[in-house]
Amino acid sequence: MSHKSKITGPERIAAVEKYLRGEDSLNHIASLLDVTFSSVKQWLQTYQSIGPNGLLHTAQNTVYTAELKRIAVEDYLSSGCSYMEICKRYSIKSTRQLRDWILKYNGHEKLKSSGTGGTPIMTKGRATTYEERIEIVKFCIEHQNNYAQTAEKFQVSYQQVYSWTNKYLTSGVEVLQDKRGKRKSEDQMSEVEKLRAQNKLLQAENFRKQMEIDLLKKLDEIERRRF
């Protein structure tokens, strides 16, 4: 098979969305575009992990920092999540990249920063209010724990987003309070205020669960159409 030298970003997006609508198979799409099956499969993974913009050609690569690589690898090793779930969570373009990082990590090699694509990663943190942290964690949960996307939207570091979200998921809403100093507005929260914050985050969790259910139903529908 001779391969096209270049498939445009919009062509890749159209091909993946055609597959997701259940209108064609990956094998047939690869044949039509004169590319390998593995290429189309990689487009699908990129689309699912960081969205359609990940398939557009950009003039400037962004950076996966060494810290992001370490956190992503350790999250994979400790959480039991799949490669794809971790890639989506950290806006990593390819499961192959993640596997390479895991191999290096397990081989005690140093993970270095690299400009290999992905969503721009915010590395500089900032001071936030309790209300902001609630909104940040809510957004993160609603968007499948996508720390990179959340950090970019709220202009905080991904380390802050990762820390706040996981603290909330393991210990509840009260850990989002800032205990440093004498901040009356946070230290003396009423039970009603705490319940309101908890309710907002529970709504976000329910929203995410419903999205996951809807996605599974959609994938099941696509599979049934093929047989």
Protein backbone atom coordinates (compact mmCIF):
# COMPACT_ATOMS: atom_id res chain seq x y z
CA MET A 1 0.00 0.00 0.00
CA SER A 2 1.32 3.46 -0.88
CA HIS A 3 0.58 6.01 1.81
CA LYS A 4 -0.48 9.61 1.46
CA SER A 5 2.31 11.88 2.57
CA LYS A 6 -0.02 13.98 4.68
CA ILE A 7 -3.60 13.82 5.92
CA THR A 8 -4.86 17.20 7.06
CA GLY A 9 -6.14 17.82 10.57
CA PRO A 10 -9.75 18.36 9.46
CA GLU A 11 -9.59 15.11 7.47
CA ARG A 12 -8.43 13.24 10.56
CA ILE A 13 -11.19 14.76 12.68
CA ALA A 14 -13.83 13.92 10.07
CA ALA A 15 -12.58 10.33 9.85
CA VAL A 16 -12.65 9.81 13.62
CA GLU A 17 -16.08 11.38 14.03
CA LYS A 18 -17.40 9.22 11.20
CA TYR A 19 -16.21 6.17 13.13
CA LEU A 20 -17.67 7.44 16.41
CA ARG A 21 -21.05 7.94 14.74
CA GLY A 22 -20.95 4.27 13.78
CA GLU A 23 -20.89 5.03 10.05
CA ASP A 24 -17.66 3.21 9.19
CA SER A 25 -14.98 0.92 10.60
CA LEU A 26 -11.39 1.89 11.36
CA ASN A 27 -10.11 -0.64 8.83
CA HIS A 28 -12.26 0.78 6.03
CA ILE A 29 -11.36 4.37 6.92
CA ALA A 30 -7.66 3.45 6.80
CA SER A 31 -8.17 1.90 3.37
CA LEU A 32 -10.07 4.92 2.03
CA LEU A 33 -7.40 7.36 3.23
CA ASP A 34 -4.56 5.05 2.17
CA VAL A 35 -2.99 5.02 5.64
CA THR A 36 -2.23 2.25 8.11
CA PHE A 37 -4.78 0.95 10.59
CA SER A 38 -2.44 1.90 13.45
CA SER A 39 -2.43 5.52 12.25
CA VAL A 40 -6.21 5.75 12.35
CA LYS A 41 -6.27 4.05 15.74
CA GLN A 42 -3.80 6.65 17.02
CA TRP A 43 -6.03 9.46 15.71
CA LEU A 44 -8.91 7.94 17.66
CA GLN A 45 -6.83 7.75 20.85
CA THR A 46 -5.72 11.37 20.46
CA TYR A 47 -9.28 12.53 19.81
CA GLN A 48 -10.54 10.67 22.88
CA SER A 49 -7.75 11.88 25.17
CA ILE A 50 -7.45 15.58 24.30
CA GLY A 51 -10.24 16.29 21.83
CA PRO A 52 -10.37 17.20 18.13
CA ASN A 53 -7.84 20.02 18.47
CA GLY A 54 -5.22 17.38 19.16
CA LEU A 55 -5.51 16.24 15.54
CA LEU A 56 -4.85 19.68 14.09
CA HIS A 57 -1.34 20.47 12.94
CA THR A 58 0.25 23.20 15.04
CA ALA A 59 3.38 25.18 14.35
CA GLN A 60 4.55 25.03 17.96
CA ASN A 61 4.81 21.99 20.18
CA THR A 62 4.00 22.33 23.85
CA VAL A 63 5.86 20.70 26.69
CA TYR A 64 5.26 17.69 28.89
CA THR A 65 7.21 18.62 31.99
CA ALA A 66 9.20 16.05 33.94
CA GLU A 67 6.86 16.59 36.89
CA LEU A 68 3.78 15.94 34.77
CA LYS A 69 5.31 12.72 33.46
CA ARG A 70 6.10 11.55 36.98
CA ILE A 71 2.63 12.36 38.30
CA ALA A 72 0.94 10.66 35.34
CA VAL A 73 3.05 7.53 35.72
CA GLU A 74 2.54 7.33 39.48
CA ASP A 75 -1.19 7.90 39.03
CA TYR A 76 -1.31 5.01 36.55
CA LEU A 77 0.67 2.69 38.83
CA SER A 78 -1.40 3.47 41.93
CA SER A 79 -4.92 4.03 40.60
CA GLY A 80 -5.58 0.99 38.43
CA CYS A 81 -6.79 3.27 35.61
CA SER A 82 -6.21 2.31 31.98
CA TYR A 83 -3.63 3.94 29.71
CA MET A 84 -6.41 5.82 27.93
CA GLU A 85 -7.93 7.10 31.17
CA ILE A 86 -4.57 8.49 32.29
CA CYS A 87 -3.93 10.03 28.86
CA LYS A 88 -7.29 11.75 28.97
CA ARG A 89 -6.75 12.93 32.53
CA TYR A 90 -3.40 14.56 31.73
CA SER A 91 -4.02 15.52 28.07
CA ILE A 92 -1.36 13.14 26.76
CA LYS A 93 -1.61 12.56 23.02
CA SER A 94 -0.57 8.92 22.86
CA THR A 95 -0.82 5.85 25.06
CA ARG A 96 2.54 4.87 23.58
CA GLN A 97 4.10 7.97 25.13
CA LEU A 98 2.68 7.02 28.51
CA ARG A 99 3.96 3.44 28.18
CA ASP A 100 7.44 4.76 27.34
CA TRP A 101 7.42 6.95 30.45
CA ILE A 102 6.32 4.01 32.61
CA LEU A 103 9.14 1.84 31.24
CA LYS A 104 11.68 4.56 32.01
CA TYR A 105 10.22 5.14 35.46
CA ASN A 106 10.30 1.43 36.31
CA GLY A 107 13.83 1.25 34.93
CA HIS A 108 14.84 4.08 37.28
CA GLU A 109 15.61 6.39 34.36
CA LYS A 110 15.14 10.12 34.85
CA LEU A 111 12.01 11.52 33.22
CA LYS A 112 12.93 14.70 31.36
CA SER A 113 10.75 17.50 30.02
CA SER A 114 10.02 17.20 26.31
CA GLY A 115 8.24 19.21 23.63
CA THR A 116 6.12 16.45 22.18
CA GLY A 117 2.68 17.96 21.87
CA GLY A 118 -0.39 18.05 24.08
CA THR A 119 -2.22 20.78 25.95
CA PRO A 120 -0.13 23.63 27.39
CA ILE A 121 0.64 22.72 31.01
CA MET A 122 0.36 25.44 33.63
CA THR A 123 3.27 25.11 36.06
CA LYS A 124 2.93 28.36 38.02
CA GLY A 125 0.49 28.31 40.91
CA ARG A 126 -1.39 31.21 42.46
CA ALA A 127 -3.32 32.02 45.62
CA THR A 128 -6.99 31.06 45.51
CA THR A 129 -10.07 31.46 47.67
CA TYR A 130 -12.10 28.59 49.04
CA GLU A 131 -14.89 29.39 46.58
CA GLU A 132 -12.43 29.26 43.67
CA ARG A 133 -11.11 25.89 44.79
CA ILE A 134 -14.66 24.55 44.88
CA GLU A 135 -15.26 25.75 41.31
CA ILE A 136 -11.90 24.37 40.14
CA VAL A 137 -12.52 20.92 41.61
CA LYS A 138 -16.09 20.93 40.28
CA PHE A 139 -14.88 21.72 36.75
CA CYS A 140 -12.13 19.10 36.98
CA ILE A 141 -14.54 16.36 38.06
CA GLU A 142 -17.06 17.30 35.37
CA HIS A 143 -14.30 17.03 32.76
CA GLN A 144 -13.09 13.54 33.64
CA ASN A 145 -10.33 14.73 36.00
CA ASN A 146 -8.57 16.55 33.16
CA TYR A 147 -6.04 18.39 35.31
CA ALA A 148 -4.25 20.10 32.43
CA GLN A 149 -7.44 21.55 30.93
CA THR A 150 -8.63 22.71 34.35
CA ALA A 151 -5.29 24.34 35.17
CA GLU A 152 -5.31 26.22 31.88
CA LYS A 153 -8.89 27.43 32.32
CA PHE A 154 -8.41 28.74 35.86
CA GLN A 155 -4.76 29.81 35.45
CA VAL A 156 -3.46 27.70 38.32
CA SER A 157 -0.83 24.96 38.24
CA TYR A 158 -1.79 21.41 37.35
CA GLN A 159 -0.13 20.34 40.63
CA GLN A 160 -2.64 22.50 42.52
CA VAL A 161 -5.57 21.03 40.58
CA TYR A 162 -4.28 17.50 41.11
CA SER A 163 -3.81 18.07 44.83
CA TRP A 164 -7.18 19.75 45.48
CA THR A 165 -9.16 17.23 43.44
CA ASN A 166 -7.59 14.17 45.01
CA LYS A 167 -7.80 15.61 48.51
CA TYR A 168 -11.51 16.22 48.00
CA LEU A 169 -12.11 12.74 46.58
CA THR A 170 -10.33 11.07 49.49
CA SER A 171 -11.23 13.35 52.42
CA GLY A 172 -14.20 15.53 51.51
CA VAL A 173 -14.89 19.21 51.00
CA GLU A 174 -13.39 20.51 54.25
CA VAL A 175 -9.83 19.78 53.08
CA LEU A 176 -10.25 22.51 50.46
CA GLN A 177 -10.19 25.14 53.20
CA ASP A 178 -6.96 27.07 53.67
CA LYS A 179 -5.90 26.51 57.28
CA ARG A 180 -2.97 28.91 57.13
CA GLY A 181 -3.47 32.12 59.06
CA LYS A 182 -6.73 33.42 60.50
CA ARG A 183 -9.07 33.50 57.56
CA LYS A 184 -12.42 33.88 59.26
CA SER A 185 -14.44 33.41 56.06
CA GLU A 186 -13.09 29.88 55.72
CA ASP A 187 -12.25 28.82 59.26
CA GLN A 188 -15.71 29.66 60.56
CA MET A 189 -17.83 28.25 57.77
CA SER A 190 -21.36 27.41 58.77
CA GLU A 191 -22.73 23.92 58.29
CA VAL A 192 -25.06 25.30 55.62
CA GLU A 193 -22.10 26.68 53.65
CA LYS A 194 -20.29 23.36 53.91
CA LEU A 195 -23.37 21.48 52.74
CA ARG A 196 -23.79 23.82 49.79
CA ALA A 197 -20.19 23.28 48.73
CA GLN A 198 -20.51 19.51 49.18
CA ASN A 199 -23.73 19.47 47.15
CA LYS A 200 -22.09 21.37 44.30
CA LEU A 201 -19.26 18.85 44.09
CA LEU A 202 -21.59 15.87 44.38
CA GLN A 203 -23.57 17.26 41.45
CA ALA A 204 -20.33 17.37 39.46
CA GLU A 205 -19.58 13.74 40.34
CA ASN A 206 -23.09 12.68 39.29
CA PHE A 207 -22.70 14.63 36.05
CA ARG A 208 -19.46 12.80 35.27
CA LYS A 209 -20.97 9.41 36.08
CA GLN A 210 -23.90 10.12 33.76
CA MET A 211 -21.48 11.10 30.99
CA GLU A 212 -19.63 7.81 31.45
CA ILE A 213 -22.91 5.88 31.30
CA ASP A 214 -23.97 7.74 28.15
CA LEU A 215 -20.59 7.05 26.53
CA LEU A 216 -20.79 3.33 27.30
CA LYS A 217 -24.30 3.23 25.81
CA LYS A 218 -23.03 5.00 22.69
CA LEU A 219 -20.11 2.60 22.27
CA ASP A 220 -22.42 -0.37 22.78
CA GLU A 221 -24.75 1.02 20.11
CA ILE A 222 -21.83 1.45 17.69
CA GLU A 223 -20.70 -2.14 18.26
CA ARG A 224 -24.22 -3.49 17.67
CA ARG A 225 -24.43 -1.67 14.33
CA ARG A 226 -21.32 -3.46 13.11
CA PHE A 227 -22.73 -6.95 13.61
